[in-house]
């Protein structure tokens, strides 16, 4: 079986979601999310005041509101899908928006 890829229409939809989140939620600060796609994964990185860093990874399962979430752990420099005890975990709901909100709580910017 080959790699599962995220269809172009889903990639476009996610890009709109990320840009809308940046525009609505992060409009007053110098912070924005960037979506990167690789195979069946969506990586959400964040640029904060000129510094780029990983925040989370989401695995695609054929629905735009049923992604599997993994937070980036700086202590091990890996994505951990089993980690559930972090600030912002209450926002993880299978959506891209929820993942970005969780990332803002887990890794706040000032």
PDB file of N, CA and C in Angstrom:
ATOM      1  N   UNK A   1       0.837  -1.173   0.000  1.00  0.00           N
ATOM      2  CA  UNK A   1       0.000   0.000   0.000  1.00  0.00           C
ATOM      3  C   UNK A   1       0.884   1.239   0.000  1.00  0.00           C
ATOM      4  N   UNK A   2       0.570   2.223  -0.864  1.00  0.00           N
ATOM      5  CA  UNK A   2       1.353   3.447  -0.955  1.00  0.00           C
ATOM      6  C   UNK A   2       0.995   4.440   0.130  1.00  0.00           C
ATOM      7  N   UNK A   3       1.708   5.557   0.100  1.00  0.00           N
ATOM      8  CA  UNK A   3       1.445   6.616   1.069  1.00  0.00           C
ATOM      9  C   UNK A   3       0.053   7.189   0.868  1.00  0.00           C
ATOM     10  N   UNK A   4      -0.625   7.460   1.965  1.00  0.00           N
ATOM     11  CA  UNK A   4      -1.871   8.200   1.880  1.00  0.00           C
ATOM     12  C   UNK A   4      -1.514   9.665   1.760  1.00  0.00           C
ATOM     13  N   UNK A   5      -2.038  10.309   0.754  1.00  0.00           N
ATOM     14  CA  UNK A   5      -1.767  11.727   0.575  1.00  0.00           C
ATOM     15  C   UNK A   5      -3.016  12.535   0.877  1.00  0.00           C
ATOM     16  N   UNK A   6      -2.812  13.739   1.303  1.00  0.00           N
ATOM     17  CA  UNK A   6      -3.917  14.646   1.552  1.00  0.00           C
ATOM     18  C   UNK A   6      -4.331  15.240   0.205  1.00  0.00           C
ATOM     19  N   UNK A   7      -5.602  15.071  -0.190  1.00  0.00           N
ATOM     20  CA  UNK A   7      -6.052  15.589  -1.484  1.00  0.00           C
ATOM     21  C   UNK A   7      -5.882  17.110  -1.590  1.00  0.00           C
ATOM     22  N   UNK A   8      -5.703  17.579  -2.819  1.00  0.00           N
ATOM     23  CA  UNK A   8      -5.505  19.015  -3.061  1.00  0.00           C
ATOM     24  C   UNK A   8      -6.638  19.855  -2.499  1.00  0.00           C
ATOM     25  N   UNK A   9      -7.877  19.388  -2.631  1.00  0.00           N
ATOM     26  CA  UNK A   9      -9.005  20.188  -2.134  1.00  0.00           C
ATOM     27  C   UNK A   9      -8.959  20.336  -0.609  1.00  0.00           C
ATOM     28  N   UNK A  10      -8.470  19.321   0.089  1.00  0.00           N
ATOM     29  CA  UNK A  10      -8.329  19.393   1.549  1.00  0.00           C
ATOM     30  C   UNK A  10      -7.172  20.325   1.901  1.00  0.00           C
ATOM     31  N   UNK A  11      -6.090  20.242   1.157  1.00  0.00           N
ATOM     32  CA  UNK A  11      -4.956  21.147   1.388  1.00  0.00           C
ATOM     33  C   UNK A  11      -5.398  22.603   1.234  1.00  0.00           C
ATOM     34  N   UNK A  12      -6.178  22.867   0.194  1.00  0.00           N
ATOM     35  CA  UNK A  12      -6.667  24.226  -0.029  1.00  0.00           C
ATOM     36  C   UNK A  12      -7.577  24.674   1.105  1.00  0.00           C
ATOM     37  N   UNK A  13      -8.459  23.789   1.544  1.00  0.00           N
ATOM     38  CA  UNK A  13      -9.369  24.112   2.640  1.00  0.00           C
ATOM     39  C   UNK A  13      -8.585  24.396   3.926  1.00  0.00           C
ATOM     40  N   UNK A  14      -7.588  23.583   4.218  1.00  0.00           N
ATOM     41  CA  UNK A  14      -6.753  23.788   5.407  1.00  0.00           C
ATOM     42  C   UNK A  14      -6.012  25.119   5.306  1.00  0.00           C
ATOM     43  N   UNK A  15      -5.480  25.437   4.140  1.00  0.00           N
ATOM     44  CA  UNK A  15      -4.760  26.707   3.967  1.00  0.00           C
ATOM     45  C   UNK A  15      -5.670  27.890   4.258  1.00  0.00           C
ATOM     46  N   UNK A  16      -6.923  27.812   3.828  1.00  0.00           N
ATOM     47  CA  UNK A  16      -7.899  28.874   4.109  1.00  0.00           C
ATOM     48  C   UNK A  16      -8.173  28.949   5.612  1.00  0.00           C
ATOM     49  N   UNK A  17      -8.339  27.806   6.251  1.00  0.00           N
ATOM     50  CA  UNK A  17      -8.590  27.767   7.701  1.00  0.00           C
ATOM     51  C   UNK A  17      -7.432  28.417   8.459  1.00  0.00           C
ATOM     52  N   UNK A  18      -6.198  28.074   8.077  1.00  0.00           N
ATOM     53  CA  UNK A  18      -5.021  28.621   8.754  1.00  0.00           C
ATOM     54  C   UNK A  18      -4.931  30.128   8.536  1.00  0.00           C
ATOM     55  N   UNK A  19      -5.125  30.582   7.308  1.00  0.00           N
ATOM     56  CA  UNK A  19      -5.052  32.017   7.027  1.00  0.00           C
ATOM     57  C   UNK A  19      -6.154  32.785   7.755  1.00  0.00           C
ATOM     58  N   UNK A  20      -7.347  32.212   7.827  1.00  0.00           N
ATOM     59  CA  UNK A  20      -8.445  32.854   8.543  1.00  0.00           C
ATOM     60  C   UNK A  20      -8.139  32.941  10.042  1.00  0.00           C
ATOM     61  N   UNK A  21      -7.575  31.885  10.609  1.00  0.00           N
ATOM     62  CA  UNK A  21      -7.169  31.896  12.018  1.00  0.00           C
ATOM     63  C   UNK A  21      -6.123  32.980  12.245  1.00  0.00           C
ATOM     64  N   UNK A  22      -5.133  33.052  11.374  1.00  0.00           N
ATOM     65  CA  UNK A  22      -4.101  34.079  11.486  1.00  0.00           C
ATOM     66  C   UNK A  22      -4.714  35.476  11.444  1.00  0.00           C
ATOM     67  N   UNK A  23      -5.641  35.679  10.524  1.00  0.00           N
ATOM     68  CA  UNK A  23      -6.265  36.986  10.331  1.00  0.00           C
ATOM     69  C   UNK A  23      -7.171  37.362  11.510  1.00  0.00           C
ATOM     70  N   UNK A  24      -7.951  36.412  12.002  1.00  0.00           N
ATOM     71  CA  UNK A  24      -8.924  36.698  13.067  1.00  0.00           C
ATOM     72  C   UNK A  24      -8.341  36.632  14.470  1.00  0.00           C
ATOM     73  N   UNK A  25      -7.580  35.594  14.757  1.00  0.00           N
ATOM     74  CA  UNK A  25      -7.115  35.342  16.120  1.00  0.00           C
ATOM     75  C   UNK A  25      -5.763  35.976  16.440  1.00  0.00           C
ATOM     76  N   UNK A  26      -4.935  36.165  15.430  1.00  0.00           N
ATOM     77  CA  UNK A  26      -3.568  36.636  15.672  1.00  0.00           C
ATOM     78  C   UNK A  26      -3.304  38.003  15.049  1.00  0.00           C
ATOM     79  N   UNK A  27      -4.350  38.721  14.740  1.00  0.00           N
ATOM     80  CA  UNK A  27      -4.218  39.973  13.995  1.00  0.00           C
ATOM     81  C   UNK A  27      -3.441  41.065  14.719  1.00  0.00           C
ATOM     82  N   UNK A  28      -3.443  41.053  16.044  1.00  0.00           N
ATOM     83  CA  UNK A  28      -2.818  42.154  16.774  1.00  0.00           C
ATOM     84  C   UNK A  28      -1.394  41.846  17.243  1.00  0.00           C
ATOM     85  N   UNK A  29      -0.879  40.655  16.912  1.00  0.00           N
ATOM     86  CA  UNK A  29       0.485  40.310  17.311  1.00  0.00           C
ATOM     87  C   UNK A  29       1.264  39.805  16.102  1.00  0.00           C
ATOM     88  N   UNK A  30       2.581  39.818  16.200  1.00  0.00           N
ATOM     89  CA  UNK A  30       3.450  39.395  15.097  1.00  0.00           C
ATOM     90  C   UNK A  30       3.684  37.881  15.163  1.00  0.00           C
ATOM     91  N   UNK A  31       2.580  37.143  15.012  1.00  0.00           N
ATOM     92  CA  UNK A  31       2.607  35.680  15.100  1.00  0.00           C
ATOM     93  C   UNK A  31       1.690  35.142  14.016  1.00  0.00           C
ATOM     94  N   UNK A  32       2.101  34.036  13.385  1.00  0.00           N
ATOM     95  CA  UNK A  32       1.218  33.382  12.421  1.00  0.00           C
ATOM     96  C   UNK A  32       1.596  31.915  12.287  1.00  0.00           C
ATOM     97  N   UNK A  33       0.584  31.138  11.940  1.00  0.00           N
ATOM     98  CA  UNK A  33       0.788  29.715  11.683  1.00  0.00           C
ATOM     99  C   UNK A  33       1.090  29.495  10.207  1.00  0.00           C
ATOM    100  N   UNK A  34       1.833  28.432   9.943  1.00  0.00           N
ATOM    101  CA  UNK A  34       2.150  27.988   8.585  1.00  0.00           C
ATOM    102  C   UNK A  34       1.788  26.512   8.492  1.00  0.00           C
ATOM    103  N   UNK A  35       1.064  26.151   7.450  1.00  0.00           N
ATOM    104  CA  UNK A  35       0.706  24.749   7.212  1.00  0.00           C
ATOM    105  C   UNK A  35       1.686  24.148   6.215  1.00  0.00           C
ATOM    106  N   UNK A  36       2.231  22.971   6.565  1.00  0.00           N
ATOM    107  CA  UNK A  36       3.094  22.215   5.654  1.00  0.00           C
ATOM    108  C   UNK A  36       2.493  20.823   5.533  1.00  0.00           C
ATOM    109  N   UNK A  37       2.488  20.291   4.331  1.00  0.00           N
ATOM    110  CA  UNK A  37       1.912  18.976   4.077  1.00  0.00           C
ATOM    111  C   UNK A  37       3.006  18.016   3.642  1.00  0.00           C
ATOM    112  N   UNK A  38       2.966  16.824   4.233  1.00  0.00           N
ATOM    113  CA  UNK A  38       3.918  15.782   3.846  1.00  0.00           C
ATOM    114  C   UNK A  38       3.231  14.437   4.021  1.00  0.00           C
ATOM    115  N   UNK A  39       3.013  13.739   2.907  1.00  0.00           N
ATOM    116  CA  UNK A  39       2.320  12.459   2.968  1.00  0.00           C
ATOM    117  C   UNK A  39       0.935  12.625   3.552  1.00  0.00           C
ATOM    118  N   UNK A  40       0.640  11.878   4.606  1.00  0.00           N
ATOM    119  CA  UNK A  40      -0.680  11.972   5.238  1.00  0.00           C
ATOM    120  C   UNK A  40      -0.699  12.960   6.406  1.00  0.00           C
ATOM    121  N   UNK A  41       0.394  13.717   6.581  1.00  0.00           N
ATOM    122  CA  UNK A  41       0.514  14.629   7.713  1.00  0.00           C
ATOM    123  C   UNK A  41       0.417  16.096   7.324  1.00  0.00           C
ATOM    124  N   UNK A  42      -0.175  16.849   8.236  1.00  0.00           N
ATOM    125  CA  UNK A  42      -0.192  18.307   8.207  1.00  0.00           C
ATOM    126  C   UNK A  42       0.662  18.750   9.385  1.00  0.00           C
ATOM    127  N   UNK A  43       1.680  19.533   9.121  1.00  0.00           N
ATOM    128  CA  UNK A  43       2.526  20.083  10.179  1.00  0.00           C
ATOM    129  C   UNK A  43       2.145  21.537  10.364  1.00  0.00           C
ATOM    130  N   UNK A  44       1.852  21.919  11.600  1.00  0.00           N
ATOM    131  CA  UNK A  44       1.554  23.306  11.921  1.00  0.00           C
ATOM    132  C   UNK A  44       2.753  23.904  12.629  1.00  0.00           C
ATOM    133  N   UNK A  45       3.456  24.762  11.911  1.00  0.00           N
ATOM    134  CA  UNK A  45       4.569  25.517  12.473  1.00  0.00           C
ATOM    135  C   UNK A  45       4.061  26.918  12.772  1.00  0.00           C
ATOM    136  N   UNK A  46       4.814  27.633  13.580  1.00  0.00           N
ATOM    137  CA  UNK A  46       4.406  28.990  13.912  1.00  0.00           C
ATOM    138  C   UNK A  46       5.614  29.906  13.826  1.00  0.00           C
ATOM    139  N   UNK A  47       5.405  31.061  13.236  1.00  0.00           N
ATOM    140  CA  UNK A  47       6.421  32.108  13.220  1.00  0.00           C
ATOM    141  C   UNK A  47       5.975  33.148  14.241  1.00  0.00           C
ATOM    142  N   UNK A  48       6.821  33.370  15.236  1.00  0.00           N
ATOM    143  CA  UNK A  48       6.535  34.347  16.282  1.00  0.00           C
ATOM    144  C   UNK A  48       7.700  35.327  16.358  1.00  0.00           C
ATOM    145  N   UNK A  49       7.425  36.558  15.997  1.00  0.00           N
ATOM    146  CA  UNK A  49       8.428  37.619  16.056  1.00  0.00           C
ATOM    147  C   UNK A  49       9.694  37.230  15.309  1.00  0.00           C
ATOM    148  N   UNK A  50       9.504  36.613  14.145  1.00  0.00           N
ATOM    149  CA  UNK A  50      10.617  36.254  13.283  1.00  0.00           C
ATOM    150  C   UNK A  50      11.232  34.886  13.527  1.00  0.00           C
ATOM    151  N   UNK A  51      10.835  34.206  14.588  1.00  0.00           N
ATOM    152  CA  UNK A  51      11.384  32.883  14.898  1.00  0.00           C
ATOM    153  C   UNK A  51      10.374  31.798  14.549  1.00  0.00           C
ATOM    154  N   UNK A  52      10.803  30.826  13.752  1.00  0.00           N
ATOM    155  CA  UNK A  52       9.926  29.742  13.321  1.00  0.00           C
ATOM    156  C   UNK A  52      10.176  28.495  14.154  1.00  0.00           C
ATOM    157  N   UNK A  53       9.086  27.820  14.525  1.00  0.00           N
ATOM    158  CA  UNK A  53       9.236  26.582  15.285  1.00  0.00           C
ATOM    159  C   UNK A  53       8.038  25.677  15.118  1.00  0.00           C
ATOM    160  N   UNK A  54       8.226  24.381  15.315  1.00  0.00           N
ATOM    161  CA  UNK A  54       7.130  23.412  15.205  1.00  0.00           C
ATOM    162  C   UNK A  54       6.189  23.518  16.395  1.00  0.00           C
ATOM    163  N   UNK A  55       4.910  23.231  16.152  1.00  0.00           N
ATOM    164  CA  UNK A  55       3.911  23.256  17.216  1.00  0.00           C
ATOM    165  C   UNK A  55       3.186  21.919  17.297  1.00  0.00           C
ATOM    166  N   UNK A  56       2.673  21.455  16.153  1.00  0.00           N
ATOM    167  CA  UNK A  56       1.923  20.200  16.181  1.00  0.00           C
ATOM    168  C   UNK A  56       1.932  19.533  14.809  1.00  0.00           C
ATOM    169  N   UNK A  57       1.519  18.276  14.838  1.00  0.00           N
ATOM    170  CA  UNK A  57       1.371  17.486  13.611  1.00  0.00           C
ATOM    171  C   UNK A  57      -0.019  16.869  13.662  1.00  0.00           C
ATOM    172  N   UNK A  58      -0.665  16.836  12.513  1.00  0.00           N
ATOM    173  CA  UNK A  58      -1.984  16.236  12.434  1.00  0.00           C
ATOM    174  C   UNK A  58      -1.984  15.198  11.323  1.00  0.00           C
ATOM    175  N   UNK A  59      -2.624  14.072  11.601  1.00  0.00           N
ATOM    176  CA  UNK A  59      -2.691  12.990  10.625  1.00  0.00           C
ATOM    177  C   UNK A  59      -4.079  12.982   9.999  1.00  0.00           C
ATOM    178  N   UNK A  60      -4.111  12.918   8.680  1.00  0.00           N
ATOM    179  CA  UNK A  60      -5.355  12.995   7.913  1.00  0.00           C
ATOM    180  C   UNK A  60      -6.047  11.639   7.815  1.00  0.00           C
ATOM    181  N   UNK A  61      -7.368  11.660   8.068  1.00  0.00           N
ATOM    182  CA  UNK A  61      -8.180  10.456   7.964  1.00  0.00           C
ATOM    183  C   UNK A  61      -9.453  10.693   7.153  1.00  0.00           C
ATOM    184  N   UNK A  62      -9.329  11.343   6.007  1.00  0.00           N
ATOM    185  CA  UNK A  62     -10.408  11.537   5.034  1.00  0.00           C
ATOM    186  C   UNK A  62     -11.519  12.492   5.446  1.00  0.00           C
ATOM    187  N   UNK A  63     -11.413  13.140   6.574  1.00  0.00           N
ATOM    188  CA  UNK A  63     -12.393  14.142   6.976  1.00  0.00           C
ATOM    189  C   UNK A  63     -11.645  15.337   7.549  1.00  0.00           C
ATOM    190  N   UNK A  64     -12.109  16.558   7.232  1.00  0.00           N
ATOM    191  CA  UNK A  64     -11.388  17.752   7.678  1.00  0.00           C
ATOM    192  C   UNK A  64     -11.596  18.062   9.146  1.00  0.00           C
ATOM    193  N   UNK A  65     -12.497  17.368   9.814  1.00  0.00           N
ATOM    194  CA  UNK A  65     -12.694  17.612  11.242  1.00  0.00           C
ATOM    195  C   UNK A  65     -12.412  16.372  12.088  1.00  0.00           C
ATOM    196  N   UNK A  66     -11.629  15.451  11.544  1.00  0.00           N
ATOM    197  CA  UNK A  66     -11.285  14.208  12.255  1.00  0.00           C
ATOM    198  C   UNK A  66      -9.788  13.913  12.153  1.00  0.00           C
ATOM    199  N   UNK A  67      -8.973  14.912  12.393  1.00  0.00           N
ATOM    200  CA  UNK A  67      -7.532  14.739  12.328  1.00  0.00           C
ATOM    201  C   UNK A  67      -7.023  14.167  13.646  1.00  0.00           C
ATOM    202  N   UNK A  68      -5.966  13.366  13.580  1.00  0.00           N
ATOM    203  CA  UNK A  68      -5.314  12.859  14.789  1.00  0.00           C
ATOM    204  C   UNK A  68      -4.190  13.833  15.144  1.00  0.00           C
ATOM    205  N   UNK A  69      -4.205  14.322  16.360  1.00  0.00           N
ATOM    206  CA  UNK A  69      -3.320  15.382  16.828  1.00  0.00           C
ATOM    207  C   UNK A  69      -2.085  14.826  17.535  1.00  0.00           C
ATOM    208  N   UNK A  70      -0.944  15.477  17.316  1.00  0.00           N
ATOM    209  CA  UNK A  70       0.286  15.179  18.062  1.00  0.00           C
ATOM    210  C   UNK A  70       0.986  16.498  18.355  1.00  0.00           C
ATOM    211  N   UNK A  71       1.241  16.768  19.622  1.00  0.00           N
ATOM    212  CA  UNK A  71       1.943  17.992  20.019  1.00  0.00           C
ATOM    213  C   UNK A  71       3.449  17.794  19.836  1.00  0.00           C
ATOM    214  N   UNK A  72       4.140  18.854  19.474  1.00  0.00           N
ATOM    215  CA  UNK A  72       5.598  18.788  19.408  1.00  0.00           C
ATOM    216  C   UNK A  72       6.137  18.968  20.816  1.00  0.00           C
ATOM    217  N   UNK A  73       6.999  18.039  21.241  1.00  0.00           N
ATOM    218  CA  UNK A  73       7.601  18.115  22.566  1.00  0.00           C
ATOM    219  C   UNK A  73       9.057  18.559  22.410  1.00  0.00           C
ATOM    220  N   UNK A  74       9.341  19.726  22.942  1.00  0.00           N
ATOM    221  CA  UNK A  74      10.702  20.247  22.845  1.00  0.00           C
ATOM    222  C   UNK A  74      11.681  19.410  23.648  1.00  0.00           C
ATOM    223  N   UNK A  75      11.217  18.766  24.703  1.00  0.00           N
ATOM    224  CA  UNK A  75      12.114  17.968  25.545  1.00  0.00           C
ATOM    225  C   UNK A  75      12.727  16.791  24.790  1.00  0.00           C
ATOM    226  N   UNK A  76      11.978  16.246  23.835  1.00  0.00           N
ATOM    227  CA  UNK A  76      12.481  15.113  23.049  1.00  0.00           C
ATOM    228  C   UNK A  76      12.623  15.463  21.568  1.00  0.00           C
ATOM    229  N   UNK A  77      12.164  16.651  21.192  1.00  0.00           N
ATOM    230  CA  UNK A  77      12.149  17.109  19.803  1.00  0.00           C
ATOM    231  C   UNK A  77      11.447  16.112  18.885  1.00  0.00           C
ATOM    232  N   UNK A  78      10.289  15.627  19.367  1.00  0.00           N
ATOM    233  CA  UNK A  78       9.457  14.701  18.599  1.00  0.00           C
ATOM    234  C   UNK A  78       7.998  15.106  18.739  1.00  0.00           C
ATOM    235  N   UNK A  79       7.180  14.586  17.827  1.00  0.00           N
ATOM    236  CA  UNK A  79       5.735  14.762  17.916  1.00  0.00           C
ATOM    237  C   UNK A  79       5.188  13.581  18.714  1.00  0.00           C
ATOM    238  N   UNK A  80       4.344  13.870  19.711  1.00  0.00           N
ATOM    239  CA  UNK A  80       3.844  12.823  20.592  1.00  0.00           C
ATOM    240  C   UNK A  80       2.318  12.750  20.517  1.00  0.00           C
ATOM    241  N   UNK A  81       1.764  11.773  19.766  1.00  0.00           N
ATOM    242  CA  UNK A  81       0.308  11.654  19.670  1.00  0.00           C
ATOM    243  C   UNK A  81      -0.335  11.156  20.960  1.00  0.00           C
ATOM    244  N   UNK A  82       0.448  10.613  21.888  1.00  0.00           N
ATOM    245  CA  UNK A  82      -0.097  10.100  23.134  1.00  0.00           C
ATOM    246  C   UNK A  82      -0.144  11.127  24.261  1.00  0.00           C
ATOM    247  N   UNK A  83       0.493  12.260  24.068  1.00  0.00           N
ATOM    248  CA  UNK A  83       0.527  13.287  25.112  1.00  0.00           C
ATOM    249  C   UNK A  83      -0.836  13.981  25.201  1.00  0.00           C
ATOM    250  N   UNK A  84      -1.429  13.928  26.376  1.00  0.00           N
ATOM    251  CA  UNK A  84      -2.749  14.529  26.580  1.00  0.00           C
ATOM    252  C   UNK A  84      -2.772  15.496  27.752  1.00  0.00           C
ATOM    253  N   UNK A  85      -1.680  15.601  28.465  1.00  0.00           N
ATOM    254  CA  UNK A  85      -1.629  16.459  29.647  1.00  0.00           C
ATOM    255  C   UNK A  85      -0.718  17.656  29.374  1.00  0.00           C
ATOM    256  N   UNK A  86      -1.230  18.635  28.670  1.00  0.00           N
ATOM    257  CA  UNK A  86      -0.476  19.852  28.413  1.00  0.00           C
ATOM    258  C   UNK A  86      -1.456  21.018  28.396  1.00  0.00           C
ATOM    259  N   UNK A  87      -0.993  22.221  28.691  1.00  0.00           N
ATOM    260  CA  UNK A  87      -1.887  23.379  28.628  1.00  0.00           C
ATOM    261  C   UNK A  87      -2.466  23.509  27.220  1.00  0.00           C
ATOM    262  N   UNK A  88      -3.767  23.604  27.131  1.00  0.00           N
ATOM    263  CA  UNK A  88      -4.427  23.726  25.838  1.00  0.00           C
ATOM    264  C   UNK A  88      -4.989  22.431  25.305  1.00  0.00           C
ATOM    265  N   UNK A  89      -4.744  21.320  25.987  1.00  0.00           N
ATOM    266  CA  UNK A  89      -5.234  20.032  25.487  1.00  0.00           C
ATOM    267  C   UNK A  89      -6.758  20.005  25.367  1.00  0.00           C
ATOM    268  N   UNK A  90      -7.432  20.856  26.128  1.00  0.00           N
ATOM    269  CA  UNK A  90      -8.897  20.902  26.044  1.00  0.00           C
ATOM    270  C   UNK A  90      -9.398  21.407  24.692  1.00  0.00           C
ATOM    271  N   UNK A  91      -8.539  22.043  23.914  1.00  0.00           N
ATOM    272  CA  UNK A  91      -8.925  22.538  22.596  1.00  0.00           C
ATOM    273  C   UNK A  91      -8.798  21.480  21.501  1.00  0.00           C
ATOM    274  N   UNK A  92      -8.090  20.403  21.767  1.00  0.00           N
ATOM    275  CA  UNK A  92      -7.881  19.353  20.772  1.00  0.00           C
ATOM    276  C   UNK A  92      -9.214  18.639  20.545  1.00  0.00           C
ATOM    277  N   UNK A  93      -9.769  18.850  19.352  1.00  0.00           N
ATOM    278  CA  UNK A  93     -11.092  18.305  19.033  1.00  0.00           C
ATOM    279  C   UNK A  93     -11.154  17.686  17.638  1.00  0.00           C
ATOM    280  N   UNK A  94      -9.987  17.434  17.042  1.00  0.00           N
ATOM    281  CA  UNK A  94      -9.955  16.843  15.712  1.00  0.00           C
ATOM    282  C   UNK A  94      -9.971  17.855  14.583  1.00  0.00           C
ATOM    283  N   UNK A  95     -10.040  19.152  14.925  1.00  0.00           N
ATOM    284  CA  UNK A  95     -10.062  20.189  13.898  1.00  0.00           C
ATOM    285  C   UNK A  95      -8.728  20.919  13.841  1.00  0.00           C
ATOM    286  N   UNK A  96      -8.480  21.562  12.715  1.00  0.00           N
ATOM    287  CA  UNK A  96      -7.270  22.362  12.548  1.00  0.00           C
ATOM    288  C   UNK A  96      -7.330  23.569  13.487  1.00  0.00           C
ATOM    289  N   UNK A  97      -8.499  24.194  13.599  1.00  0.00           N
ATOM    290  CA  UNK A  97      -8.652  25.338  14.495  1.00  0.00           C
ATOM    291  C   UNK A  97      -8.339  24.947  15.939  1.00  0.00           C
ATOM    292  N   UNK A  98      -8.854  23.802  16.369  1.00  0.00           N
ATOM    293  CA  UNK A  98      -8.589  23.325  17.724  1.00  0.00           C
ATOM    294  C   UNK A  98      -7.111  23.100  17.962  1.00  0.00           C
ATOM    295  N   UNK A  99      -6.418  22.570  16.967  1.00  0.00           N
ATOM    296  CA  UNK A  99      -4.978  22.331  17.085  1.00  0.00           C
ATOM    297  C   UNK A  99      -4.221  23.646  17.235  1.00  0.00           C
ATOM    298  N   UNK A 100      -4.620  24.669  16.485  1.00  0.00           N
ATOM    299  CA  UNK A 100      -3.938  25.959  16.590  1.00  0.00           C
ATOM    300  C   UNK A 100      -4.211  26.614  17.946  1.00  0.00           C
ATOM    301  N   UNK A 101      -5.434  26.507  18.436  1.00  0.00           N
ATOM    302  CA  UNK A 101      -5.745  27.040  19.765  1.00  0.00           C
ATOM    303  C   UNK A 101      -4.945  26.292  20.846  1.00  0.00           C
ATOM    304  N   UNK A 102      -4.857  24.977  20.717  1.00  0.00           N
ATOM    305  CA  UNK A 102      -4.064  24.192  21.668  1.00  0.00           C
ATOM    306  C   UNK A 102      -2.611  24.631  21.637  1.00  0.00           C
ATOM    307  N   UNK A 103      -2.085  24.860  20.452  1.00  0.00           N
ATOM    308  CA  UNK A 103      -0.704  25.311  20.311  1.00  0.00           C
ATOM    309  C   UNK A 103      -0.454  26.666  20.946  1.00  0.00           C
ATOM    310  N   UNK A 104      -1.427  27.567  20.852  1.00  0.00           N
ATOM    311  CA  UNK A 104      -1.277  28.882  21.463  1.00  0.00           C
ATOM    312  C   UNK A 104      -1.235  28.772  22.991  1.00  0.00           C
ATOM    313  N   UNK A 105      -1.969  27.805  23.548  1.00  0.00           N
ATOM    314  CA  UNK A 105      -1.945  27.611  25.012  1.00  0.00           C
ATOM    315  C   UNK A 105      -0.703  26.835  25.455  1.00  0.00           C
ATOM    316  N   UNK A 106      -0.335  25.824  24.675  1.00  0.00           N
ATOM    317  CA  UNK A 106       0.832  25.009  25.040  1.00  0.00           C
ATOM    318  C   UNK A 106       2.122  25.814  24.934  1.00  0.00           C
ATOM    319  N   UNK A 107       2.203  26.635  23.889  1.00  0.00           N
ATOM    320  CA  UNK A 107       3.395  27.445  23.644  1.00  0.00           C
ATOM    321  C   UNK A 107       2.968  28.902  23.454  1.00  0.00           C
ATOM    322  N   UNK A 108       2.639  29.587  24.548  1.00  0.00           N
ATOM    323  CA  UNK A 108       2.169  30.970  24.434  1.00  0.00           C
ATOM    324  C   UNK A 108       3.269  31.907  23.945  1.00  0.00           C
ATOM    325  N   UNK A 109       2.853  32.935  23.252  1.00  0.00           N
ATOM    326  CA  UNK A 109       3.776  33.982  22.797  1.00  0.00           C
ATOM    327  C   UNK A 109       3.358  35.296  23.442  1.00  0.00           C
ATOM    328  N   UNK A 110       4.325  36.153  23.632  1.00  0.00           N
ATOM    329  CA  UNK A 110       4.028  37.412  24.311  1.00  0.00           C
ATOM    330  C   UNK A 110       4.293  38.586  23.440  1.00  0.00           C
TER     331      UNK A 110
END
